[in-house]
């Protein structure tokens, strides 16, 4: 199953991947992919897809992978040159050692292969709230504000969030560059939870917008704390020359 929500940044990444791989039959590794992909179905259909996840229920519900592996992406090692594209979406924030997972991604990527990471930003408003509140609050929010009836049940969101220090965008970019990655694309964006809250709980949405606006003012508008998520696409170069060009969108 693929995600029904596609924001402009994700559309940009989809186009980037289409341009890079140009309809080729590629090898994709979805790290912590579970039961849902954020790649387009037409893209997955032309690929050999491996999904590795620590949650047996999520794997059981996966209906698009060619190969499903029950395991930990922080410790599971694939041979070198195993994949052309690795996707790690809404996963690194839940890991105790995301740096170890990313090292293994780099090792298993083919030269010129891409790593696509999507994650919440711990320095955003939603990230700060997530860090400062216990997991039961997150379950309550999903169940009673977002109206996700399955929230908190085995194999269902929200999963426990750890926010290792490397998960902040600046730290992640610095770490990946030191590993040898090139940064191809980076974008912070507002996730769909704000719009879902406004649609399902209008009064709560008004309070939320007002609170974030006050916090933005306190930071002198240096950044928009509503941008609670980010996308980053990294390339493993075929040589030792590591570039630093970053594509983004306004």
Protein backbone atom coordinates (compact mmCIF):
# COMPACT_ATOMS: atom_id res chain seq x y z
CA UNK A 1 0.00 0.00 0.00
CA UNK A 2 1.21 3.50 -0.78
CA UNK A 3 0.49 6.66 1.20
CA UNK A 4 -2.57 8.67 -0.01
CA UNK A 5 -1.00 11.97 1.07
CA UNK A 6 1.47 13.64 -1.30
CA UNK A 7 2.83 17.05 -0.33
CA UNK A 8 4.73 19.30 -2.78
CA UNK A 9 8.13 18.28 -1.42
CA UNK A 10 7.30 14.60 -1.82
CA UNK A 11 6.16 15.30 -5.38
CA UNK A 12 9.54 16.92 -6.03
CA UNK A 13 11.32 13.84 -4.69
CA UNK A 14 9.15 11.56 -6.83
CA UNK A 15 10.14 13.54 -9.91
CA UNK A 16 13.80 13.49 -8.90
CA UNK A 17 13.71 9.70 -8.58
CA UNK A 18 11.91 9.30 -11.90
CA UNK A 19 14.51 11.46 -13.63
CA UNK A 20 17.43 9.67 -12.00
CA UNK A 21 16.30 6.11 -12.68
CA UNK A 22 14.32 6.80 -15.88
CA UNK A 23 12.11 3.70 -15.79
CA UNK A 24 14.95 1.27 -15.02
CA UNK A 25 14.33 -1.90 -13.04
CA UNK A 26 16.12 -0.94 -9.84
CA UNK A 27 16.73 -2.55 -6.47
CA UNK A 28 14.92 -0.76 -3.64
CA UNK A 29 15.40 -1.28 0.08
CA UNK A 30 12.70 0.18 2.32
CA UNK A 31 14.28 0.35 5.77
CA UNK A 32 11.58 0.11 8.41
CA UNK A 33 9.12 0.22 5.54
CA UNK A 34 6.40 -1.67 7.35
CA UNK A 35 3.15 -1.94 5.40
CA UNK A 36 3.09 1.40 3.56
CA UNK A 37 5.35 3.01 0.99
CA UNK A 38 5.74 6.72 0.21
CA UNK A 39 6.93 5.86 -3.28
CA UNK A 40 4.48 5.80 -6.15
CA UNK A 41 2.93 2.45 -7.10
CA UNK A 42 4.08 2.79 -10.71
CA UNK A 43 7.65 3.22 -9.46
CA UNK A 44 7.46 0.21 -7.13
CA UNK A 45 5.97 -2.00 -9.85
CA UNK A 46 9.15 -1.69 -11.93
CA UNK A 47 11.51 -2.41 -9.06
CA UNK A 48 12.73 -5.30 -6.96
CA UNK A 49 11.62 -4.22 -3.47
CA UNK A 50 13.04 -5.45 -0.18
CA UNK A 51 11.34 -4.37 3.05
CA UNK A 52 13.02 -4.89 6.41
CA UNK A 53 11.08 -4.07 9.57
CA UNK A 54 11.24 -4.99 13.26
CA UNK A 55 7.43 -5.16 13.50
CA UNK A 56 6.00 -8.53 12.45
CA UNK A 57 2.46 -7.15 12.14
CA UNK A 58 3.57 -4.38 9.80
CA UNK A 59 5.42 -6.87 7.62
CA UNK A 60 2.44 -9.19 7.53
CA UNK A 61 0.29 -6.33 6.23
CA UNK A 62 2.78 -5.42 3.49
CA UNK A 63 1.40 -6.35 0.08
CA UNK A 64 3.92 -4.84 -2.36
CA UNK A 65 7.38 -6.10 -1.30
CA UNK A 66 9.16 -8.79 -3.30
CA UNK A 67 11.13 -9.75 -0.20
CA UNK A 68 10.15 -9.18 3.44
CA UNK A 69 12.68 -9.50 6.25
CA UNK A 70 11.99 -9.35 9.98
CA UNK A 71 14.97 -7.56 11.52
CA UNK A 72 16.53 -4.40 12.91
CA UNK A 73 17.82 -1.87 10.37
CA UNK A 74 20.42 -0.74 12.93
CA UNK A 75 22.14 -4.13 12.94
CA UNK A 76 21.10 -5.95 9.76
CA UNK A 77 23.88 -5.85 7.17
CA UNK A 78 23.32 -6.36 3.45
CA UNK A 79 26.26 -7.04 1.09
CA UNK A 80 27.89 -4.08 -0.62
CA UNK A 81 26.31 -2.88 -3.87
CA UNK A 82 22.95 -4.43 -2.95
CA UNK A 83 20.64 -1.51 -3.74
CA UNK A 84 20.16 1.43 -6.08
CA UNK A 85 17.71 3.23 -3.80
CA UNK A 86 17.16 3.06 -0.05
CA UNK A 87 14.10 4.67 1.53
CA UNK A 88 13.88 5.35 5.26
CA UNK A 89 10.64 7.23 5.89
CA UNK A 90 9.35 8.23 9.35
CA UNK A 91 11.75 5.76 10.95
CA UNK A 92 15.00 7.37 12.17
CA UNK A 93 13.20 9.29 14.92
CA UNK A 94 12.33 5.92 16.53
CA UNK A 95 15.87 4.52 16.55
CA UNK A 96 18.37 4.31 19.40
CA UNK A 97 21.26 4.28 16.92
CA UNK A 98 20.22 5.92 13.63
CA UNK A 99 23.89 6.59 12.87
CA UNK A 100 24.52 2.83 12.73
CA UNK A 101 21.57 2.36 10.39
CA UNK A 102 22.81 5.11 8.06
CA UNK A 103 26.33 3.63 8.01
CA UNK A 104 24.83 0.34 6.86
CA UNK A 105 22.76 2.15 4.22
CA UNK A 106 25.93 3.72 2.82
CA UNK A 107 27.72 0.37 2.72
CA UNK A 108 24.89 -1.45 0.94
CA UNK A 109 24.23 1.25 -1.68
CA UNK A 110 25.64 0.88 -5.16
CA UNK A 111 27.86 3.70 -6.49
CA UNK A 112 25.62 6.60 -7.55
CA UNK A 113 22.81 5.06 -5.48
CA UNK A 114 20.40 7.26 -3.54
CA UNK A 115 19.19 7.34 0.05
CA UNK A 116 15.84 9.07 0.67
CA UNK A 117 15.07 9.99 4.28
CA UNK A 118 11.83 11.54 5.53
CA UNK A 119 11.52 12.44 9.21
CA UNK A 120 9.98 14.85 11.72
CA UNK A 121 12.14 17.76 12.82
CA UNK A 122 12.76 17.64 16.60
CA UNK A 123 13.40 21.41 16.60
CA UNK A 124 9.93 22.22 15.24
CA UNK A 125 6.87 22.94 17.39
CA UNK A 126 5.46 19.44 16.96
CA UNK A 127 8.92 17.96 17.52
CA UNK A 128 9.37 19.83 20.79
CA UNK A 129 5.94 18.73 22.02
CA UNK A 130 6.74 15.13 21.08
CA UNK A 131 10.05 15.26 22.97
CA UNK A 132 8.51 16.78 26.10
CA UNK A 133 5.48 14.51 26.46
CA UNK A 134 5.17 10.79 27.29
CA UNK A 135 4.07 8.23 24.73
CA UNK A 136 0.54 7.91 26.13
CA UNK A 137 -0.06 11.56 25.20
CA UNK A 138 0.89 10.78 21.60
CA UNK A 139 -1.55 7.86 21.58
CA UNK A 140 -4.29 10.10 23.01
CA UNK A 141 -3.62 12.75 20.36
CA UNK A 142 -3.88 10.27 17.50
CA UNK A 143 -6.96 8.57 18.93
CA UNK A 144 -9.02 11.56 20.08
CA UNK A 145 -7.75 14.52 18.03
CA UNK A 146 -6.84 12.83 14.74
CA UNK A 147 -9.51 10.15 15.29
CA UNK A 148 -7.30 7.19 14.51
CA UNK A 149 -9.20 4.41 16.30
CA UNK A 150 -6.34 1.91 16.02
CA UNK A 151 -3.81 4.27 17.64
CA UNK A 152 -1.62 2.55 20.21
CA UNK A 153 -2.58 -0.96 19.19
CA UNK A 154 0.19 -3.41 18.19
CA UNK A 155 1.51 -2.61 14.72
CA UNK A 156 -0.20 0.79 14.53
CA UNK A 157 0.94 4.41 14.92
CA UNK A 158 2.09 6.22 16.92
CA UNK A 159 5.32 4.35 17.62
CA UNK A 160 7.61 5.43 20.45
CA UNK A 161 9.78 8.39 19.48
CA UNK A 162 13.37 8.69 20.69
CA UNK A 163 14.86 11.61 18.71
CA UNK A 164 18.55 10.73 18.81
CA UNK A 165 20.64 13.95 18.50
CA UNK A 166 21.66 13.04 14.94
CA UNK A 167 18.04 13.30 13.78
CA UNK A 168 18.06 17.13 13.67
CA UNK A 169 18.49 18.18 10.00
CA UNK A 170 21.81 20.02 10.49
CA UNK A 171 23.36 17.14 12.45
CA UNK A 172 22.08 14.57 9.97
CA UNK A 173 23.48 16.49 6.99
CA UNK A 174 26.85 16.90 8.72
CA UNK A 175 27.03 13.19 9.61
CA UNK A 176 26.06 12.05 6.12
CA UNK A 177 28.64 14.30 4.48
CA UNK A 178 31.34 12.87 6.74
CA UNK A 179 30.30 9.36 5.67
CA UNK A 180 30.80 10.37 2.04
CA UNK A 181 27.28 11.19 0.89
CA UNK A 182 26.45 14.05 -1.45
CA UNK A 183 23.38 16.06 -0.49
CA UNK A 184 21.13 16.11 -3.55
CA UNK A 185 17.94 17.57 -2.09
CA UNK A 186 16.79 18.99 1.24
CA UNK A 187 13.50 20.59 2.24
CA UNK A 188 11.74 21.38 5.51
CA UNK A 189 7.96 21.45 5.15
CA UNK A 190 4.71 21.54 7.07
CA UNK A 191 3.35 18.05 7.58
CA UNK A 192 -0.26 17.03 7.08
CA UNK A 193 -1.09 16.87 10.80
CA UNK A 194 -1.78 20.63 10.99
CA UNK A 195 -4.33 20.44 8.19
CA UNK A 196 -5.87 17.28 9.69
CA UNK A 197 -6.28 18.99 13.06
CA UNK A 198 -7.86 22.06 11.43
CA UNK A 199 -10.29 19.90 9.46
CA UNK A 200 -11.25 17.53 12.25
CA UNK A 201 -10.95 19.86 15.27
CA UNK A 202 -11.32 23.48 14.03
CA UNK A 203 -11.15 25.09 17.49
CA UNK A 204 -8.03 23.12 18.41
CA UNK A 205 -6.57 24.12 15.04
CA UNK A 206 -7.14 27.82 15.81
CA UNK A 207 -5.39 27.47 19.18
CA UNK A 208 -2.55 25.55 17.57
CA UNK A 209 -1.98 28.18 14.89
CA UNK A 210 -2.04 30.97 17.46
CA UNK A 211 0.45 29.18 19.70
CA UNK A 212 2.90 28.50 16.88
CA UNK A 213 2.60 32.10 15.64
CA UNK A 214 3.56 33.39 19.10
CA UNK A 215 6.53 31.00 19.23
CA UNK A 216 7.65 32.10 15.76
CA UNK A 217 7.56 35.70 16.96
CA UNK A 218 9.67 34.80 19.99
CA UNK A 219 12.32 33.41 17.63
CA UNK A 220 12.13 36.71 15.66
CA UNK A 221 10.75 34.74 12.71
CA UNK A 222 14.13 33.15 12.01
CA UNK A 223 12.29 29.96 11.15
CA UNK A 224 8.75 28.67 10.84
CA UNK A 225 8.13 26.21 13.65
CA UNK A 226 5.17 24.79 11.71
CA UNK A 227 7.69 23.08 9.44
CA UNK A 228 7.62 19.90 11.45
CA UNK A 229 9.06 17.53 8.84
CA UNK A 230 11.89 17.31 6.35
CA UNK A 231 12.98 15.36 3.28
CA UNK A 232 16.56 14.69 2.31
CA UNK A 233 17.96 12.80 -0.68
CA UNK A 234 21.60 11.72 -0.56
CA UNK A 235 23.85 10.17 -3.18
CA UNK A 236 26.69 7.73 -2.68
CA UNK A 237 29.32 9.01 -5.14
CA UNK A 238 31.11 6.67 -7.50
CA UNK A 239 34.40 8.28 -6.46
CA UNK A 240 35.90 10.06 -3.45
CA UNK A 241 34.94 13.57 -4.56
CA UNK A 242 32.12 14.60 -2.26
CA UNK A 243 30.01 17.51 -3.46
CA UNK A 244 27.93 19.91 -1.44
CA UNK A 245 25.25 21.11 -3.85
CA UNK A 246 21.77 21.11 -2.34
CA UNK A 247 18.62 21.41 -4.44
CA UNK A 248 15.57 22.81 -2.71
CA UNK A 249 12.28 24.47 -3.41
CA UNK A 250 10.74 27.64 -2.08
